[in-house]
Protein backbone atom coordinates (compact mmCIF):
# COMPACT_ATOMS: atom_id res chain seq x y z
CA MET A 1 1.70 -17.72 -9.58
CA ALA A 2 1.53 -14.96 -12.18
CA LYS A 3 -1.60 -13.81 -13.90
CA GLU A 4 -2.22 -11.19 -16.55
CA ARG A 5 -4.80 -8.48 -15.95
CA ALA A 6 -7.17 -8.15 -18.86
CA THR A 7 -7.24 -4.63 -20.21
CA THR A 8 -8.59 -2.87 -23.25
CA SER A 9 -7.18 0.53 -22.37
CA ALA A 10 -5.67 2.54 -25.21
CA THR A 11 -3.24 3.95 -22.63
CA ASN A 12 -1.81 0.48 -21.95
CA THR A 13 -1.52 -0.20 -25.69
CA ASN A 14 0.55 2.96 -26.07
CA SER A 15 2.80 2.26 -23.06
CA ALA A 16 6.48 2.91 -23.73
CA ALA A 17 7.47 -0.62 -22.67
CA VAL A 18 5.98 -4.11 -22.51
CA PHE A 19 6.95 -7.57 -21.30
CA LEU A 20 7.43 -10.04 -24.14
CA PRO A 21 7.46 -13.83 -23.56
CA ARG A 22 10.06 -16.23 -24.92
CA LEU A 23 10.31 -17.44 -28.49
CA HIS A 24 8.92 -20.92 -29.18
CA ASN A 25 10.13 -22.63 -32.38
CA GLY A 26 11.24 -19.30 -33.75
CA MET A 27 7.92 -17.62 -33.03
CA HIS A 28 6.75 -15.60 -30.05
CA ALA A 29 4.04 -17.25 -27.94
CA GLY A 30 1.41 -15.14 -29.68
CA PHE A 31 1.80 -11.38 -30.06
CA ARG A 32 -1.37 -11.03 -28.02
CA SER A 33 0.52 -12.39 -25.02
CA ALA A 34 2.78 -9.31 -24.86
CA HIS A 35 1.66 -7.30 -21.86
CA SER A 36 2.57 -4.23 -19.85
CA GLU A 37 1.30 -5.53 -16.49
CA LYS A 38 1.51 -8.73 -14.51
CA LEU A 39 -0.40 -9.76 -11.40
CA LEU A 40 1.30 -12.04 -8.88
CA LYS A 41 -0.63 -13.67 -6.07
CA SER A 42 1.19 -15.28 -3.17
CA SER A 43 0.68 -16.47 0.39
CA THR A 44 3.22 -15.06 2.83
CA ARG A 45 4.09 -14.61 6.50
CA VAL A 46 4.16 -11.23 8.23
CA ARG A 47 5.98 -10.61 11.50
CA ILE A 48 4.19 -8.32 13.93
CA GLN A 49 5.92 -6.41 16.72
CA THR A 50 3.36 -5.32 19.31
CA ARG A 51 3.11 -2.80 22.12
CA VAL A 52 0.29 -3.07 24.66
CA ASP A 53 -0.06 -0.45 27.42
CA VAL A 54 -2.42 -0.83 30.38
CA GLU A 55 -2.76 2.01 32.90
CA PRO A 56 -5.13 2.73 35.78
CA VAL A 57 -7.59 5.60 35.33
CA LYS A 58 -10.65 7.04 37.04
CA CYS A 59 -13.97 7.24 35.26
CA ALA A 60 -16.10 10.41 35.41
CA THR A 61 -18.20 8.61 38.04
CA GLY A 62 -15.11 8.04 40.20
CA GLU A 63 -15.00 4.29 39.51
CA ASP A 64 -11.69 2.52 38.97
CA ALA A 65 -10.91 1.51 35.40
CA VAL A 66 -8.01 0.65 33.10
CA ARG A 67 -7.13 2.20 29.76
CA VAL A 68 -5.72 -0.09 27.05
CA THR A 69 -3.71 1.38 24.15
CA GLY A 70 -0.89 0.23 21.88
CA ALA A 71 0.06 -0.60 18.30
CA LEU A 72 1.11 -3.33 15.87
CA THR A 73 4.15 -2.80 13.63
CA LEU A 74 4.34 -4.94 10.47
CA HIS A 75 7.61 -6.41 9.12
CA GLY A 76 7.99 -7.94 5.65
CA PRO A 77 7.32 -9.20 3.04
CA TYR A 78 9.28 -7.87 0.07
CA ALA A 79 9.83 -8.48 -3.63
CA ARG A 80 13.17 -9.18 -5.28
CA LEU A 81 13.26 -8.36 -8.98
CA LEU A 82 15.91 -9.99 -11.17
CA PHE A 83 17.08 -8.57 -14.52
CA ARG A 84 19.10 -10.87 -16.79
CA LYS A 85 20.84 -10.16 -20.08
CA GLY A 86 19.79 -12.32 -23.00
CA THR A 87 18.46 -12.66 -26.51
CA GLU A 88 15.01 -13.14 -27.98
CA THR A 89 15.15 -16.82 -27.08
CA GLY A 90 15.78 -16.31 -23.36
CA PRO A 91 18.24 -15.19 -20.67
CA THR A 92 21.96 -15.82 -21.13
CA LEU A 93 23.19 -18.54 -18.79
CA GLY A 94 26.13 -18.03 -16.45
CA ILE A 95 25.70 -14.28 -16.02
CA ALA A 96 24.65 -12.99 -12.60
CA PRO A 97 21.44 -10.95 -12.71
CA VAL A 98 21.06 -7.34 -11.64
CA THR A 99 18.68 -7.31 -8.65
CA ALA A 100 16.46 -4.77 -6.94
CA GLU A 101 14.30 -5.12 -3.84
CA SER A 102 11.13 -3.37 -2.73
CA ALA A 103 9.15 -3.69 0.49
CA LEU A 104 5.56 -4.91 0.11
CA LEU A 105 4.06 -2.98 3.00
CA PRO A 106 1.63 -0.08 3.39
CA THR A 107 2.97 3.46 3.64
CA ALA A 108 2.41 3.43 7.41
CA PRO A 109 3.12 -0.15 8.59
CA ARG A 110 2.07 0.76 12.14
CA VAL A 111 -1.52 -0.16 13.09
CA PRO A 112 -2.88 1.48 16.27
CA ILE A 113 -4.80 -0.61 18.79
CA PRO A 114 -8.13 1.17 19.38
CA GLU A 115 -8.17 2.77 22.82
CA ARG A 116 -10.55 1.09 25.24
CA ILE A 117 -11.45 1.72 28.90
CA PHE A 118 -12.66 -1.16 31.07
CA LEU A 119 -14.18 -0.92 34.55
CA VAL A 120 -12.43 -2.75 37.36
CA THR A 121 -15.08 -4.97 38.95
CA THR A 122 -12.93 -6.68 41.59
CA PRO A 123 -12.74 -5.31 45.18
CA SER A 124 -8.95 -5.04 45.03
CA ARG A 125 -6.52 -4.04 42.31
CA PRO A 126 -6.61 -6.96 39.84
CA TYR A 127 -3.91 -8.72 37.86
CA VAL A 128 -4.12 -8.21 34.11
CA TRP A 129 -3.26 -10.56 31.22
CA PHE A 130 -3.39 -10.10 27.46
CA GLU A 131 -3.01 -12.24 24.36
CA PHE A 132 -3.55 -11.88 20.61
CA ARG A 133 -5.98 -14.17 18.78
CA ASP A 134 -7.20 -14.77 15.22
CA ARG A 135 -10.75 -14.97 13.85
CA PHE A 136 -11.05 -18.59 15.00
CA ASN A 137 -10.12 -17.63 18.57
CA LYS A 138 -6.75 -19.33 18.19
CA PRO A 139 -3.91 -17.71 20.22
CA LEU A 140 -1.24 -16.10 18.05
CA ALA A 141 1.22 -15.75 20.95
CA ASN A 142 1.46 -16.84 24.58
CA SER A 143 -0.73 -15.14 27.15
CA ILE A 144 1.28 -12.54 29.11
CA CYS A 145 0.65 -11.49 32.71
CA LEU A 146 1.58 -7.83 33.19
CA GLY A 147 1.18 -8.00 36.95
CA ARG A 148 -1.14 -6.25 39.37
CA ILE A 149 -2.58 -2.89 38.36
CA GLU A 150 -1.08 -0.28 40.65
CA GLU A 151 -0.35 3.39 40.03
CA ARG A 152 1.99 2.95 37.07
CA MET A 153 1.49 1.95 33.46
CA LEU A 154 2.14 -1.69 32.52
CA ARG A 155 3.58 -2.58 29.11
CA GLY A 156 4.07 -5.77 27.10
CA GLU A 157 5.81 -6.10 23.70
CA PRO A 158 5.48 -9.64 22.31
CA MET A 159 6.11 -10.61 18.67
CA PHE A 160 4.29 -13.16 16.54
CA GLU A 161 3.68 -14.17 12.91
CA VAL A 162 0.47 -14.24 10.90
CA GLY A 163 -0.41 -15.50 7.45
CA ALA A 164 -1.41 -13.04 4.73
CA THR A 165 -2.21 -12.97 1.02
CA LEU A 166 -0.29 -10.75 -1.39
CA SER A 167 -1.57 -9.32 -4.67
CA VAL A 168 1.23 -7.51 -6.49
CA TRP A 169 1.01 -5.60 -9.78
CA LEU A 170 4.23 -5.19 -11.75
CA SER A 171 3.95 -2.69 -14.62
CA ALA A 172 6.43 -1.87 -17.40
CA GLN A 173 6.54 1.92 -17.77
CA ARG A 174 9.40 2.82 -20.10
CA LEU A 175 12.99 2.12 -21.14
CA SER A 176 15.58 4.69 -20.13
CA ALA A 177 19.03 5.07 -21.71
CA LYS A 178 20.57 5.62 -18.27
CA ARG A 179 18.38 3.48 -16.01
CA GLY A 180 17.23 0.68 -18.29
CA PRO A 181 13.71 -0.64 -17.60
CA VAL A 182 11.60 1.54 -15.32
CA LEU A 183 8.90 -0.51 -13.58
CA ASP A 184 6.10 0.30 -11.16
CA LEU A 185 5.23 -1.99 -8.26
CA THR A 186 1.98 -1.78 -6.30
CA GLY A 187 -0.62 -4.08 -4.72
CA GLU A 188 -2.37 -5.04 -1.50
CA LEU A 189 -1.75 -7.16 1.59
CA THR A 190 -4.78 -9.05 2.97
CA PHE A 191 -4.97 -10.47 6.50
CA THR A 192 -7.49 -13.27 6.04
CA GLU A 193 -7.61 -14.42 9.66
CA GLY A 194 -7.50 -11.03 11.35
CA VAL A 195 -5.97 -10.05 14.71
CA SER A 196 -7.76 -9.26 17.98
CA LEU A 197 -6.50 -8.45 21.47
CA ARG A 198 -7.99 -10.24 24.49
CA ILE A 199 -7.71 -8.63 27.93
CA LYS A 200 -8.29 -10.62 31.13
CA MET A 201 -8.45 -9.37 34.73
CA ALA A 202 -8.62 -11.42 37.92
CA GLU A 203 -7.92 -10.99 41.65
CA SER A 204 -5.15 -13.57 41.74
CA CYS A 205 -2.99 -16.01 39.76
CA ASP A 206 -3.16 -19.80 39.85
CA ARG A 207 -0.03 -21.92 40.28
CA LEU A 208 0.61 -21.86 36.53
CA GLY A 209 0.44 -18.08 36.31
CA GLY A 210 -3.03 -17.92 34.80
CA PRO A 211 -6.10 -16.01 36.04
CA ASP A 212 -7.71 -17.42 39.20
CA GLY A 213 -11.12 -16.71 40.68
CA GLN A 214 -13.57 -14.34 39.04
CA VAL A 215 -12.19 -13.45 35.60
CA GLY A 216 -13.23 -10.49 33.46
CA VAL A 217 -12.67 -10.85 29.71
CA ALA A 218 -12.85 -8.24 26.92
CA ASP A 219 -11.81 -8.32 23.25
CA ILE A 220 -10.50 -5.51 21.05
CA HIS A 221 -10.60 -6.02 17.27
CA VAL A 222 -7.39 -4.63 15.76
CA LEU A 223 -7.30 -6.10 12.23
CA PRO A 224 -10.74 -7.37 11.11
CA PRO A 225 -10.70 -10.66 9.13
CA GLU A 226 -10.16 -10.18 5.38
CA VAL A 227 -8.96 -6.58 5.86
CA SER A 228 -6.73 -5.36 3.01
CA MET A 229 -3.96 -2.77 3.23
CA GLN A 230 -2.82 -0.97 0.10
CA ILE A 231 0.82 -1.19 -0.97
CA PRO A 232 1.70 2.22 -2.44
CA GLN A 233 3.15 2.52 -5.92
CA ARG A 234 6.93 2.30 -6.00
CA GLU A 235 9.25 2.84 -8.93
CA VAL A 236 11.94 0.22 -9.56
CA ALA A 237 14.82 1.08 -11.90
CA PRO A 238 17.86 -1.20 -11.39
CA GLY A 239 20.11 0.25 -14.10
CA ALA A 240 20.08 -2.91 -16.23
CA ALA A 241 20.94 -1.97 -19.83
CA ASP A 242 19.32 -3.10 -23.10
CA ASN A 243 16.26 -5.39 -22.98
CA PRO A 244 16.71 -7.63 -19.92
CA TRP A 245 14.58 -10.59 -18.98
CA VAL A 246 12.61 -9.83 -15.82
CA SER A 247 11.55 -12.23 -13.08
CA VAL A 248 10.26 -11.82 -9.52
CA MET A 249 10.74 -13.59 -6.20
CA VAL A 250 8.42 -12.82 -3.27
CA LYS A 251 9.92 -13.34 0.19
CA ASP A 252 8.52 -13.18 3.71
CA TRP A 253 9.89 -11.08 6.58
CA SER A 254 12.66 -13.62 7.32
CA GLY A 255 13.81 -13.96 3.70
CA GLY A 256 11.97 -17.25 3.17
CA LEU A 257 10.84 -17.72 -0.43
CA ASN A 258 7.08 -17.73 -1.05
CA GLY A 259 6.94 -20.07 -4.02
CA GLY A 260 9.58 -19.97 -6.74
CA GLU A 261 11.03 -17.41 -9.08
CA VAL A 262 8.30 -16.18 -11.43
CA PRO A 263 9.36 -15.23 -15.00
CA ILE A 264 7.65 -12.08 -16.26
CA GLY A 265 9.15 -11.57 -19.72
CA ARG A 266 11.66 -9.53 -21.67
CA CYS A 267 11.22 -5.79 -21.19
CA VAL A 268 11.21 -4.11 -24.61
CA ARG A 269 10.06 -0.81 -26.06
CA HIS A 270 6.46 -0.98 -27.22
CA PRO A 271 6.40 -1.11 -31.06
CA TRP A 272 3.64 1.52 -31.11
CA SER A 273 5.24 3.79 -28.54
CA GLY A 274 4.64 7.40 -29.49
CA ILE A 275 2.13 6.51 -32.25
CA PRO A 276 -1.44 7.77 -31.64
CA ALA A 277 -3.82 4.87 -31.02
CA ARG A 278 -6.62 4.13 -33.47
CA GLY A 279 -8.24 1.51 -31.30
CA VAL A 280 -7.03 -1.55 -29.47
CA GLY A 281 -5.93 -4.62 -31.36
CA PRO A 282 -3.36 -7.42 -31.14
CA LEU A 283 0.22 -6.38 -30.48
CA ARG A 284 2.54 -6.71 -33.48
CA HIS A 285 6.28 -6.55 -32.92
CA PRO A 286 7.91 -6.54 -36.40
CA SER A 287 11.45 -6.15 -35.06
CA LEU A 288 12.99 -7.14 -31.78
CA GLY A 289 16.52 -5.93 -32.39
CA ALA A 290 18.35 -3.43 -30.26
CA ALA A 291 15.95 -1.28 -28.30
CA ARG A 292 15.73 2.44 -28.81
CA HIS A 293 16.32 4.42 -25.63
CA ASP A 294 14.92 7.67 -24.34
């Protein structure tokens, strides 16, 4: 769904470009509905590639222990922006749009697993298992047995998917003679259910490959529930000439569509662009002919 962000900023009023909705019965859907920003909220799926390292260490007291380290690497989602030629009444049918894509991920999509050291309480070198869980203690991937802790490091690299919520701001910045509309894209990605890593150690395995006998369990919180990660501002300039109609599709890591195509509006030069503001009032667009270009 798309939602406008309320603003009374004189800076927004004097933006070089705005999104204008379609004409209805020869009239625009209210000049007040012209806007320079649009907020899109969407549920999506994020693929996570993991790396979990477990290695034997000695504590300062000489006791046996294991060190757990690793990282999560996030993949997807992304936005596809579509720019279509058209008139005041809407896009022209039968003409393929100009498209541009932008990843909707933080600047550093790699999340480190906090380093932890756990004492080995069994008489012999134990077997070690790990699995990822959400805030409701539900497994996100199968439990993996890394084997018995010996002198070498053990590593596991499973992948899984998690649900997330996207909030994406699309802002009209200006119209360029060479590049057409120049837009800014930013937002945040929220992991509502979180991700934690569970470590288990036991002296032996049962016939199904699970822990057997005395079992030690420890949890490491990697992504707390409801944690949000900022999506840095990115400039999108597809090279679409004139005043194209803009719409957005949000897709998950696999290319699956999260909802439908969301119409944003026709990108036009702001009628007050370059005129000093005397206060904020309703937008008035006396002429929507050919756009002037910088």
